[in-house]
Each structure stands twice: as structure tokens, then as C-alpha cells.
Amino acid sequence: MQEKPIPLSVRIELCRAGLQVRADGLGIRMLHIKGSTVDPSIRPDVREGSDVDVIVDPGRVAELHAQLLDGGWQVYSTFDEGSPFGHAQTYWHPDWGYVDLHRRFPGIRLDDAAAFDVLWRSHAMSSAAGRAIVVPGVGVQRALFLLNAARGTRQEREAARDQCERMPTEQHRELDALLAELEAEVAASVVTGELEQWRHRPDYRLWHVISAGGTRTQEWWGRVRAARSASEALGVVLRAPRVNRSRLRHELGRTPTGWDVFTAAVTRSRIALRDLLSGGRPG
């Protein structure tokens, strides 16, 4: 008799509970974000998604990473390969599916450790598969919802903007104060339609490309300008020419060969040159 697959909603709940057990066993602070963990006052239409998202005390990421590997998870894409912000590493497990392990949240420029302390200080309890799990407080959830929408579709940004406009004055003040503390005003302004007020900020160019579109060359230049230190900027510059091997592996459906990587590198260089010649200057 053929076994039935575990329903996605059940698998996600069990995965959340299992992750919390592992984090608690190591004494690691971890917050469950997105999906059904979002407070209904923020998102009445529960969207479970297809994976589990957690944000972890950045100083303890290596320990949880080791625990996940010991538990049968495999790295699907690394921090450097996932997004312009290097914010999350994705893992896959044959039974429990995908986990996005965040060390920071896109749009927040405050130092990662300090930012996590801000996100953690109002934490609350929820549950998954009968197990207590830790989630951000509602005020923090509002901020994360807004920042997540900044990278989303036009419809998602409009929905988040509508929610902001319906907020009571006191909630709006609290949200503005939290975004300022997290140094996340530029990303939030993508949703509120006030991005041009922040042209003087180093991350303006990156958020302009993310929200309005642009070439890959412009995006990489935006990453360099948005870097929070000289060493971080240098790291971005050194990564720019590299082929994203994880993405290439997923596109090919197999482990890329040396020739695959070489071909992808040539294509990448051609695209960058075409961008520059067609007027796609960094700006």
C-alpha cells in the first residue's frame, strides 16, 4: 500500500515545532516569522506558504546550522546566494521540507545583533503542532510585514500601504519609532511611496532598483553603495563576478560541471557589458 504524503500544512506545523525544540535545546533565541504565525490583526487571510521562516540570534547561527545538518537537513542555497541582502540560508529536508534561516531581515540597516535584540524584546508565545513557539510581538510583526512588502509585488505593497493608512495614530507613531530604531525607513518608504525623500541615504539606490526595476549591473552597484562597512562593500565587489552555483544547479536540475560554470560566467559578463553599453550605468 502506497504511503500518502504528509499534507503541507501539517508538515509545516511539525517542522516549526521541531525547529523550536532544537533551538530550545541549545538555548538559542529564535523567532518564527511569516505564514500563519502572523497576527490576524495584521493579515486576516492566513497564507501558510511553502516553507518555514525563522530569524535567529546572529551570534548563534553556526550552532543551529550544525544542528540542522545533524538532523538531516541539506543546504539548498547559502546566505550569499539567496538575495541582494544575504539575509537567509535555505535548507531542505526530505520529510519536513524547506526552512529559511534568517540572520537579518531585508531593509534593516542596524547592526544584526542589535537589530535582533530589538526584534526579540517584545516577543510573545504561539503554538505549532501543540508545541509552544516564539514569535515577535505584534508591533514588530507590523514592521516586518511592511518591510517584507517592500520587496514584494505592487499588489502586496498597495495592501501594506492601505493597512498603514488605516492604523490608529498611536500605532502609526509606534511603527515609525520602531522603523527609525531599526534604521529601516528607506525600505519602508517603498511601501508608503516616499522613497525619493531618502535619496541621501546609502541604501536608496538599491531600493530604487528593487522597487522600480533596473539592470543587474545597477542592482550590484546598489548593493555596493548599501554596504554597511568597507569590508562588506569589498565582499560585494568580490562576489559580483561569481556564478551563483546554487541557482545554476537548480536551473540545470543537476550538479553543474566546470563547463557549465564557465559558460554561465561568460553569459554573466556579456549581460553586464550589454547593460553598460545600453546606458545601464550604475547611477
C-alpha atoms as a PDB file:
ATOM      1  CA  MET A   1       0.000   0.000   0.000  1.00  0.00           C
ATOM      2  CA  GLN A   2       1.469   3.342  -1.063  1.00  0.00           C
ATOM      3  CA  GLU A   3       2.072   5.844   1.725  1.00  0.00           C
ATOM      4  CA  LYS A   4       0.273   9.158   1.429  1.00  0.00           C
ATOM      5  CA  PRO A   5       2.459  12.276   1.560  1.00  0.00           C
ATOM      6  CA  ILE A   6       2.218  14.452   4.655  1.00  0.00           C
ATOM      7  CA  PRO A   7      -0.096  17.413   3.897  1.00  0.00           C
ATOM      8  CA  LEU A   8       1.862  20.641   3.508  1.00  0.00           C
ATOM      9  CA  SER A   9       0.077  22.433   6.362  1.00  0.00           C
ATOM     10  CA  VAL A  10       0.790  19.555   8.747  1.00  0.00           C
ATOM     11  CA  ARG A  11       4.408  19.285   7.634  1.00  0.00           C
ATOM     12  CA  ILE A  12       4.993  22.987   8.226  1.00  0.00           C
ATOM     13  CA  GLU A  13       3.488  22.847  11.723  1.00  0.00           C
ATOM     14  CA  LEU A  14       5.615  19.838  12.659  1.00  0.00           C
ATOM     15  CA  CYS A  15       8.690  21.483  11.170  1.00  0.00           C
ATOM     16  CA  ARG A  16       8.098  24.620  13.242  1.00  0.00           C
ATOM     17  CA  ALA A  17       7.736  22.589  16.406  1.00  0.00           C
ATOM     18  CA  GLY A  18      10.860  20.562  15.629  1.00  0.00           C
ATOM     19  CA  LEU A  19      12.926  23.675  14.986  1.00  0.00           C
ATOM     20  CA  GLN A  20      11.798  25.174  18.294  1.00  0.00           C
ATOM     21  CA  VAL A  21      12.809  22.007  20.149  1.00  0.00           C
ATOM     22  CA  ARG A  22      16.282  22.187  18.610  1.00  0.00           C
ATOM     23  CA  ALA A  23      16.690  25.897  19.360  1.00  0.00           C
ATOM     24  CA  ASP A  24      15.469  25.483  22.934  1.00  0.00           C
ATOM     25  CA  GLY A  25      17.837  22.574  23.455  1.00  0.00           C
ATOM     26  CA  LEU A  26      20.757  24.851  22.621  1.00  0.00           C
ATOM     27  CA  GLY A  27      19.350  27.889  24.414  1.00  0.00           C
ATOM     28  CA  ILE A  28      19.189  29.830  21.124  1.00  0.00           C
ATOM     29  CA  ARG A  29      16.820  32.763  20.747  1.00  0.00           C
ATOM     30  CA  MET A  30      14.730  32.214  17.627  1.00  0.00           C
ATOM     31  CA  LEU A  31      11.603  33.922  16.303  1.00  0.00           C
ATOM     32  CA  HIS A  32       9.112  32.359  13.904  1.00  0.00           C
ATOM     33  CA  ILE A  33       8.052  34.858  11.238  1.00  0.00           C
ATOM     34  CA  LYS A  34       5.683  34.969   8.249  1.00  0.00           C
ATOM     35  CA  GLY A  35       2.977  32.472   7.336  1.00  0.00           C
ATOM     36  CA  SER A  36       0.348  31.540   9.904  1.00  0.00           C
ATOM     37  CA  THR A  37       2.484  32.947  12.739  1.00  0.00           C
ATOM     38  CA  VAL A  38       1.492  36.481  11.657  1.00  0.00           C
ATOM     39  CA  ASP A  39      -1.132  38.010  13.952  1.00  0.00           C
ATOM     40  CA  PRO A  40      -4.633  38.018  12.354  1.00  0.00           C
ATOM     41  CA  SER A  41      -4.941  41.765  13.063  1.00  0.00           C
ATOM     42  CA  ILE A  42      -2.119  42.265  10.550  1.00  0.00           C
ATOM     43  CA  ARG A  43      -3.067  39.648   7.984  1.00  0.00           C
ATOM     44  CA  PRO A  44      -6.591  38.215   8.358  1.00  0.00           C
ATOM     45  CA  ASP A  45      -6.117  35.995   5.295  1.00  0.00           C
ATOM     46  CA  VAL A  46      -3.672  33.398   6.607  1.00  0.00           C
ATOM     47  CA  ARG A  47      -1.080  32.471   3.986  1.00  0.00           C
ATOM     48  CA  GLU A  48       0.825  29.412   5.084  1.00  0.00           C
ATOM     49  CA  GLY A  49       3.348  29.480   2.292  1.00  0.00           C
ATOM     50  CA  SER A  50       5.531  26.561   1.344  1.00  0.00           C
ATOM     51  CA  ASP A  51       8.317  26.853   3.905  1.00  0.00           C
ATOM     52  CA  VAL A  52       9.142  27.813   7.479  1.00  0.00           C
ATOM     53  CA  ASP A  53      10.822  31.154   8.165  1.00  0.00           C
ATOM     54  CA  VAL A  54      12.748  31.877  11.336  1.00  0.00           C
ATOM     55  CA  ILE A  55      15.113  34.645  12.383  1.00  0.00           C
ATOM     56  CA  VAL A  56      17.863  33.669  14.807  1.00  0.00           C
ATOM     57  CA  ASP A  57      20.253  35.430  17.137  1.00  0.00           C
ATOM     58  CA  PRO A  58      23.015  36.056  14.547  1.00  0.00           C
ATOM     59  CA  GLY A  59      25.739  35.052  17.000  1.00  0.00           C
ATOM     60  CA  ARG A  60      24.245  31.547  17.258  1.00  0.00           C
ATOM     61  CA  VAL A  61      23.530  30.841  13.573  1.00  0.00           C
ATOM     62  CA  ALA A  62      26.506  28.476  13.230  1.00  0.00           C
ATOM     63  CA  GLU A  63      25.246  26.313  16.114  1.00  0.00           C
ATOM     64  CA  LEU A  64      21.751  25.961  14.684  1.00  0.00           C
ATOM     65  CA  HIS A  65      23.248  25.301  11.240  1.00  0.00           C
ATOM     66  CA  ALA A  66      25.176  22.349  12.687  1.00  0.00           C
ATOM     67  CA  GLN A  67      22.011  21.066  14.388  1.00  0.00           C
ATOM     68  CA  LEU A  68      20.080  21.177  11.134  1.00  0.00           C
ATOM     69  CA  LEU A  69      22.765  19.247   9.272  1.00  0.00           C
ATOM     70  CA  ASP A  70      22.812  16.655  12.062  1.00  0.00           C
ATOM     71  CA  GLY A  71      19.032  16.380  11.742  1.00  0.00           C
ATOM     72  CA  GLY A  72      19.107  15.540   8.038  1.00  0.00           C
ATOM     73  CA  TRP A  73      18.642  18.985   6.510  1.00  0.00           C
ATOM     74  CA  GLN A  74      20.723  19.949   3.491  1.00  0.00           C
ATOM     75  CA  VAL A  75      21.762  23.442   2.440  1.00  0.00           C
ATOM     76  CA  TYR A  76      19.654  24.438  -0.580  1.00  0.00           C
ATOM     77  CA  SER A  77      21.105  27.950  -1.035  1.00  0.00           C
ATOM     78  CA  THR A  78      23.597  29.918   1.045  1.00  0.00           C
ATOM     79  CA  PHE A  79      23.398  33.397   2.560  1.00  0.00           C
ATOM     80  CA  ASP A  80      25.451  34.850  -0.280  1.00  0.00           C
ATOM     81  CA  GLU A  81      23.353  33.188  -2.979  1.00  0.00           C
ATOM     82  CA  GLY A  82      19.825  33.881  -1.806  1.00  0.00           C
ATOM     83  CA  SER A  83      19.209  37.615  -2.232  1.00  0.00           C
ATOM     84  CA  PRO A  84      20.884  41.034  -2.533  1.00  0.00           C
ATOM     85  CA  PHE A  85      20.755  41.275   1.267  1.00  0.00           C
ATOM     86  CA  GLY A  86      22.476  37.997   2.153  1.00  0.00           C
ATOM     87  CA  HIS A  87      19.813  37.655   4.802  1.00  0.00           C
ATOM     88  CA  ALA A  88      18.809  33.986   4.792  1.00  0.00           C
ATOM     89  CA  GLN A  89      20.110  30.500   4.147  1.00  0.00           C
ATOM     90  CA  THR A  90      17.661  27.895   2.865  1.00  0.00           C
ATOM     91  CA  TYR A  91      17.627  24.253   3.970  1.00  0.00           C
ATOM     92  CA  TRP A  92      15.705  21.272   2.651  1.00  0.00           C
ATOM     93  CA  HIS A  93      14.655  18.084   4.438  1.00  0.00           C
ATOM     94  CA  PRO A  94      13.019  15.120   2.653  1.00  0.00           C
ATOM     95  CA  ASP A  95      10.294  14.895   5.315  1.00  0.00           C
ATOM     96  CA  TRP A  96       9.901  18.427   6.648  1.00  0.00           C
ATOM     97  CA  GLY A  97      10.512  20.496   3.519  1.00  0.00           C
ATOM     98  CA  TYR A  98      12.154  23.911   3.367  1.00  0.00           C
ATOM     99  CA  VAL A  99      13.409  26.225   6.112  1.00  0.00           C
ATOM    100  CA  ASP A 100      14.634  29.788   5.612  1.00  0.00           C
ATOM    101  CA  LEU A 101      17.077  30.611   8.397  1.00  0.00           C
ATOM    102  CA  HIS A 102      17.423  34.414   8.665  1.00  0.00           C
ATOM    103  CA  ARG A 103      20.370  36.174  10.261  1.00  0.00           C
ATOM    104  CA  ARG A 104      18.864  39.575   9.423  1.00  0.00           C
ATOM    105  CA  PHE A 105      15.735  40.988   7.821  1.00  0.00           C
ATOM    106  CA  PRO A 106      15.945  42.859   4.488  1.00  0.00           C
ATOM    107  CA  GLY A 107      15.592  46.599   4.906  1.00  0.00           C
ATOM    108  CA  ILE A 108      17.017  46.765   8.433  1.00  0.00           C
ATOM    109  CA  ARG A 109      20.393  48.523   8.482  1.00  0.00           C
ATOM    110  CA  LEU A 110      21.025  48.399  12.211  1.00  0.00           C
ATOM    111  CA  ASP A 111      23.822  46.001  13.201  1.00  0.00           C
ATOM    112  CA  ASP A 112      22.480  42.433  13.039  1.00  0.00           C
ATOM    113  CA  ALA A 113      22.989  41.620  16.732  1.00  0.00           C
ATOM    114  CA  ALA A 114      21.496  44.917  17.915  1.00  0.00           C
ATOM    115  CA  ALA A 115      18.581  44.553  15.493  1.00  0.00           C
ATOM    116  CA  PHE A 116      17.780  41.063  16.745  1.00  0.00           C
ATOM    117  CA  ASP A 117      17.722  42.357  20.330  1.00  0.00           C
ATOM    118  CA  VAL A 118      15.134  44.944  19.235  1.00  0.00           C
ATOM    119  CA  LEU A 119      13.016  42.286  17.496  1.00  0.00           C
ATOM    120  CA  TRP A 120      13.285  39.939  20.491  1.00  0.00           C
ATOM    121  CA  ARG A 121      12.465  42.302  23.346  1.00  0.00           C
ATOM    122  CA  SER A 122       8.677  42.191  22.833  1.00  0.00           C
ATOM    123  CA  HIS A 123       8.494  38.513  21.855  1.00  0.00           C
ATOM    124  CA  ALA A 124       5.360  36.504  22.521  1.00  0.00           C
ATOM    125  CA  MET A 125       4.319  32.870  22.535  1.00  0.00           C
ATOM    126  CA  SER A 126       2.305  30.971  19.960  1.00  0.00           C
ATOM    127  CA  SER A 127       1.991  27.269  19.188  1.00  0.00           C
ATOM    128  CA  ALA A 128       2.649  24.783  16.395  1.00  0.00           C
ATOM    129  CA  ALA A 129       1.637  21.119  16.476  1.00  0.00           C
ATOM    130  CA  GLY A 130       0.866  21.504  20.168  1.00  0.00           C
ATOM    131  CA  ARG A 131       4.334  22.882  20.933  1.00  0.00           C
ATOM    132  CA  ALA A 132       4.985  26.385  22.248  1.00  0.00           C
ATOM    133  CA  ILE A 133       6.950  28.501  19.771  1.00  0.00           C
ATOM    134  CA  VAL A 134       8.281  32.062  19.991  1.00  0.00           C
ATOM    135  CA  VAL A 135       7.073  34.839  17.692  1.00  0.00           C
ATOM    136  CA  PRO A 136       7.737  38.602  17.547  1.00  0.00           C
ATOM    137  CA  GLY A 137       5.383  40.973  19.340  1.00  0.00           C
ATOM    138  CA  VAL A 138       2.561  42.442  17.255  1.00  0.00           C
ATOM    139  CA  GLY A 139       4.339  45.797  16.833  1.00  0.00           C
ATOM    140  CA  VAL A 140       7.424  44.089  15.432  1.00  0.00           C
ATOM    141  CA  GLN A 141       5.240  41.933  13.209  1.00  0.00           C
ATOM    142  CA  ARG A 142       3.725  45.080  11.707  1.00  0.00           C
ATOM    143  CA  ALA A 143       7.197  46.390  10.890  1.00  0.00           C
ATOM    144  CA  LEU A 144       8.321  43.091   9.348  1.00  0.00           C
ATOM    145  CA  PHE A 145       5.106  42.858   7.323  1.00  0.00           C
ATOM    146  CA  LEU A 146       5.758  46.321   5.909  1.00  0.00           C
ATOM    147  CA  LEU A 147       9.421  45.590   5.128  1.00  0.00           C
ATOM    148  CA  ASN A 148       8.545  42.281   3.502  1.00  0.00           C
ATOM    149  CA  ALA A 149       6.001  44.033   1.275  1.00  0.00           C
ATOM    150  CA  ALA A 150       8.724  46.448   0.137  1.00  0.00           C
ATOM    151  CA  ARG A 151      10.336  43.539  -1.756  1.00  0.00           C
ATOM    152  CA  GLY A 152       7.015  42.163  -2.942  1.00  0.00           C
ATOM    153  CA  THR A 153       4.668  42.785  -5.836  1.00  0.00           C
ATOM    154  CA  ARG A 154       2.857  46.057  -6.495  1.00  0.00           C
ATOM    155  CA  GLN A 155      -0.324  44.484  -5.105  1.00  0.00           C
ATOM    156  CA  GLU A 156       1.465  43.484  -1.894  1.00  0.00           C
ATOM    157  CA  ARG A 157       2.869  46.985  -1.465  1.00  0.00           C
ATOM    158  CA  GLU A 158      -0.553  48.516  -2.015  1.00  0.00           C
ATOM    159  CA  ALA A 159      -2.142  46.185   0.542  1.00  0.00           C
ATOM    160  CA  ALA A 160       0.522  47.084   3.108  1.00  0.00           C
ATOM    161  CA  ARG A 161       0.092  50.798   2.342  1.00  0.00           C
ATOM    162  CA  ASP A 162      -3.672  50.521   2.846  1.00  0.00           C
ATOM    163  CA  GLN A 163      -3.100  48.851   6.184  1.00  0.00           C
ATOM    164  CA  CYS A 164      -0.731  51.634   7.269  1.00  0.00           C
ATOM    165  CA  GLU A 165      -3.278  54.272   6.333  1.00  0.00           C
ATOM    166  CA  ARG A 166      -5.942  52.524   8.449  1.00  0.00           C
ATOM    167  CA  MET A 167      -3.740  52.346  11.557  1.00  0.00           C
ATOM    168  CA  PRO A 168      -4.727  54.366  14.625  1.00  0.00           C
ATOM    169  CA  THR A 169      -2.428  57.350  15.212  1.00  0.00           C
ATOM    170  CA  GLU A 170      -0.732  55.770  18.218  1.00  0.00           C
ATOM    171  CA  GLN A 171       0.074  52.568  16.320  1.00  0.00           C
ATOM    172  CA  HIS A 172       1.466  54.649  13.477  1.00  0.00           C
ATOM    173  CA  ARG A 173       3.746  56.521  15.886  1.00  0.00           C
ATOM    174  CA  GLU A 174       4.982  53.266  17.402  1.00  0.00           C
ATOM    175  CA  LEU A 175       5.658  51.818  13.944  1.00  0.00           C
ATOM    176  CA  ASP A 176       7.565  54.919  12.821  1.00  0.00           C
ATOM    177  CA  ALA A 177       9.652  54.880  16.015  1.00  0.00           C
ATOM    178  CA  LEU A 178      10.475  51.186  15.582  1.00  0.00           C
ATOM    179  CA  LEU A 179      11.453  51.616  11.922  1.00  0.00           C
ATOM    180  CA  ALA A 180      13.712  54.521  12.886  1.00  0.00           C
ATOM    181  CA  GLU A 181      15.336  52.462  15.646  1.00  0.00           C
ATOM    182  CA  LEU A 182      15.963  49.643  13.170  1.00  0.00           C
ATOM    183  CA  GLU A 183      17.252  52.141  10.563  1.00  0.00           C
ATOM    184  CA  ALA A 184      14.670  50.754   8.156  1.00  0.00           C
ATOM    185  CA  GLU A 185      12.961  53.947   6.976  1.00  0.00           C
ATOM    186  CA  VAL A 186      14.223  53.708   3.392  1.00  0.00           C
ATOM    187  CA  ALA A 187      12.793  50.243   2.791  1.00  0.00           C
ATOM    188  CA  ALA A 188       9.516  51.202   4.453  1.00  0.00           C
ATOM    189  CA  SER A 189       9.244  54.265   2.205  1.00  0.00           C
ATOM    190  CA  VAL A 190       8.984  51.954  -0.817  1.00  0.00           C
ATOM    191  CA  VAL A 191       5.571  50.937   0.521  1.00  0.00           C
ATOM    192  CA  THR A 192       4.435  54.401   1.583  1.00  0.00           C
ATOM    193  CA  GLY A 193       5.520  55.952  -1.720  1.00  0.00           C
ATOM    194  CA  GLU A 194       8.066  58.291  -0.117  1.00  0.00           C
ATOM    195  CA  LEU A 195      11.299  56.748  -1.382  1.00  0.00           C
ATOM    196  CA  GLU A 196      12.510  59.921  -3.097  1.00  0.00           C
ATOM    197  CA  GLN A 197      12.764  61.636   0.287  1.00  0.00           C
ATOM    198  CA  TRP A 198      15.671  59.339   1.111  1.00  0.00           C
ATOM    199  CA  ARG A 199      17.953  59.924  -1.879  1.00  0.00           C
ATOM    200  CA  HIS A 200      20.731  60.920   0.539  1.00  0.00           C
ATOM    201  CA  ARG A 201      20.754  57.518   2.239  1.00  0.00           C
ATOM    202  CA  PRO A 202      23.265  54.870   1.056  1.00  0.00           C
ATOM    203  CA  ASP A 203      20.614  52.190   0.509  1.00  0.00           C
ATOM    204  CA  TYR A 204      18.374  54.442  -1.624  1.00  0.00           C
ATOM    205  CA  ARG A 205      19.806  53.210  -4.940  1.00  0.00           C
ATOM    206  CA  LEU A 206      19.319  49.526  -4.108  1.00  0.00           C
ATOM    207  CA  TRP A 207      15.700  50.034  -3.044  1.00  0.00           C
ATOM    208  CA  HIS A 208      15.063  52.113  -6.132  1.00  0.00           C
ATOM    209  CA  VAL A 209      16.190  49.222  -8.338  1.00  0.00           C
ATOM    210  CA  ILE A 210      14.218  46.684  -6.285  1.00  0.00           C
ATOM    211  CA  SER A 211      11.005  48.701  -6.453  1.00  0.00           C
ATOM    212  CA  ALA A 212      11.239  50.331  -9.895  1.00  0.00           C
ATOM    213  CA  GLY A 213      13.386  47.820 -11.751  1.00  0.00           C
ATOM    214  CA  GLY A 214      16.828  48.094 -13.286  1.00  0.00           C
ATOM    215  CA  THR A 215      19.699  46.115 -14.734  1.00  0.00           C
ATOM    216  CA  ARG A 216      21.771  43.559 -12.862  1.00  0.00           C
ATOM    217  CA  THR A 217      24.702  45.996 -13.037  1.00  0.00           C
ATOM    218  CA  GLN A 218      22.608  48.685 -11.345  1.00  0.00           C
ATOM    219  CA  GLU A 219      21.498  46.224  -8.680  1.00  0.00           C
ATOM    220  CA  TRP A 220      25.072  45.213  -7.878  1.00  0.00           C
ATOM    221  CA  TRP A 221      26.141  48.851  -7.697  1.00  0.00           C
ATOM    222  CA  GLY A 222      23.214  49.442  -5.373  1.00  0.00           C
ATOM    223  CA  ARG A 223      24.462  46.600  -3.190  1.00  0.00           C
ATOM    224  CA  VAL A 224      27.920  48.150  -3.003  1.00  0.00           C
ATOM    225  CA  ARG A 225      26.530  51.556  -2.030  1.00  0.00           C
ATOM    226  CA  ALA A 226      24.200  49.986   0.540  1.00  0.00           C
ATOM    227  CA  ALA A 227      27.004  48.062   2.289  1.00  0.00           C
ATOM    228  CA  ARG A 228      27.285  48.962   5.969  1.00  0.00           C
ATOM    229  CA  SER A 229      31.088  48.892   6.070  1.00  0.00           C
ATOM    230  CA  ALA A 230      34.101  48.973   3.773  1.00  0.00           C
ATOM    231  CA  SER A 231      34.730  45.262   4.301  1.00  0.00           C
ATOM    232  CA  GLU A 232      31.117  44.450   3.456  1.00  0.00           C
ATOM    233  CA  ALA A 233      31.353  46.560   0.290  1.00  0.00           C
ATOM    234  CA  LEU A 234      34.542  44.753  -0.703  1.00  0.00           C
ATOM    235  CA  GLY A 235      32.812  41.421  -0.202  1.00  0.00           C
ATOM    236  CA  VAL A 236      30.008  42.505  -2.529  1.00  0.00           C
ATOM    237  CA  VAL A 237      32.510  43.576  -5.195  1.00  0.00           C
ATOM    238  CA  LEU A 238      34.344  40.247  -4.975  1.00  0.00           C
ATOM    239  CA  ARG A 239      31.101  38.264  -5.250  1.00  0.00           C
ATOM    240  CA  ALA A 240      29.732  40.208  -8.223  1.00  0.00           C
ATOM    241  CA  PRO A 241      31.611  38.272 -10.956  1.00  0.00           C
ATOM    242  CA  ARG A 242      30.939  34.872  -9.405  1.00  0.00           C
ATOM    243  CA  VAL A 243      28.389  32.468 -10.780  1.00  0.00           C
ATOM    244  CA  ASN A 244      25.627  31.556  -8.334  1.00  0.00           C
ATOM    245  CA  ARG A 245      26.263  27.816  -8.271  1.00  0.00           C
ATOM    246  CA  SER A 246      23.157  27.014  -6.236  1.00  0.00           C
ATOM    247  CA  ARG A 247      20.891  28.824  -8.678  1.00  0.00           C
ATOM    248  CA  LEU A 248      22.673  27.201 -11.614  1.00  0.00           C
ATOM    249  CA  ARG A 249      22.244  23.773 -10.029  1.00  0.00           C
ATOM    250  CA  HIS A 250      18.506  24.361  -9.588  1.00  0.00           C
ATOM    251  CA  GLU A 251      18.157  25.617 -13.167  1.00  0.00           C
ATOM    252  CA  LEU A 252      20.002  22.613 -14.616  1.00  0.00           C
ATOM    253  CA  GLY A 253      18.475  20.058 -12.263  1.00  0.00           C
ATOM    254  CA  ARG A 254      21.917  18.575 -11.606  1.00  0.00           C
ATOM    255  CA  THR A 255      25.337  19.457 -10.243  1.00  0.00           C
ATOM    256  CA  PRO A 256      26.927  21.912 -12.708  1.00  0.00           C
ATOM    257  CA  THR A 257      30.125  20.897 -14.441  1.00  0.00           C
ATOM    258  CA  GLY A 258      33.140  23.141 -14.858  1.00  0.00           C
ATOM    259  CA  TRP A 259      31.991  23.889 -18.394  1.00  0.00           C
ATOM    260  CA  ASP A 260      28.532  24.855 -17.111  1.00  0.00           C
ATOM    261  CA  VAL A 261      30.090  27.319 -14.676  1.00  0.00           C
ATOM    262  CA  PHE A 262      32.397  28.731 -17.363  1.00  0.00           C
ATOM    263  CA  THR A 263      29.504  29.189 -19.803  1.00  0.00           C
ATOM    264  CA  ALA A 264      27.404  30.884 -17.143  1.00  0.00           C
ATOM    265  CA  ALA A 265      30.313  33.209 -16.270  1.00  0.00           C
ATOM    266  CA  VAL A 266      30.704  34.221 -19.926  1.00  0.00           C
ATOM    267  CA  THR A 267      26.965  34.881 -20.197  1.00  0.00           C
ATOM    268  CA  ARG A 268      27.070  36.926 -16.997  1.00  0.00           C
ATOM    269  CA  SER A 269      29.920  39.058 -18.361  1.00  0.00           C
ATOM    270  CA  ARG A 270      28.117  39.627 -21.640  1.00  0.00           C
ATOM    271  CA  ILE A 271      24.984  40.796 -19.831  1.00  0.00           C
ATOM    272  CA  ALA A 272      26.996  43.208 -17.669  1.00  0.00           C
ATOM    273  CA  LEU A 273      28.729  44.631 -20.757  1.00  0.00           C
ATOM    274  CA  ARG A 274      25.426  44.957 -22.607  1.00  0.00           C
ATOM    275  CA  ASP A 275      23.931  46.802 -19.621  1.00  0.00           C
ATOM    276  CA  LEU A 276      26.767  49.299 -19.602  1.00  0.00           C
ATOM    277  CA  LEU A 277      26.740  49.862 -23.362  1.00  0.00           C
ATOM    278  CA  SER A 278      22.958  50.317 -23.409  1.00  0.00           C
ATOM    279  CA  GLY A 279      23.112  53.079 -20.819  1.00  0.00           C
ATOM    280  CA  GLY A 280      22.531  50.910 -17.756  1.00  0.00           C
ATOM    281  CA  ARG A 281      25.177  52.774 -15.786  1.00  0.00           C
ATOM    282  CA  PRO A 282      25.362  52.325 -12.038  1.00  0.00           C
ATOM    283  CA  GLY A 283      23.784  55.720 -11.407  1.00  0.00           C
END
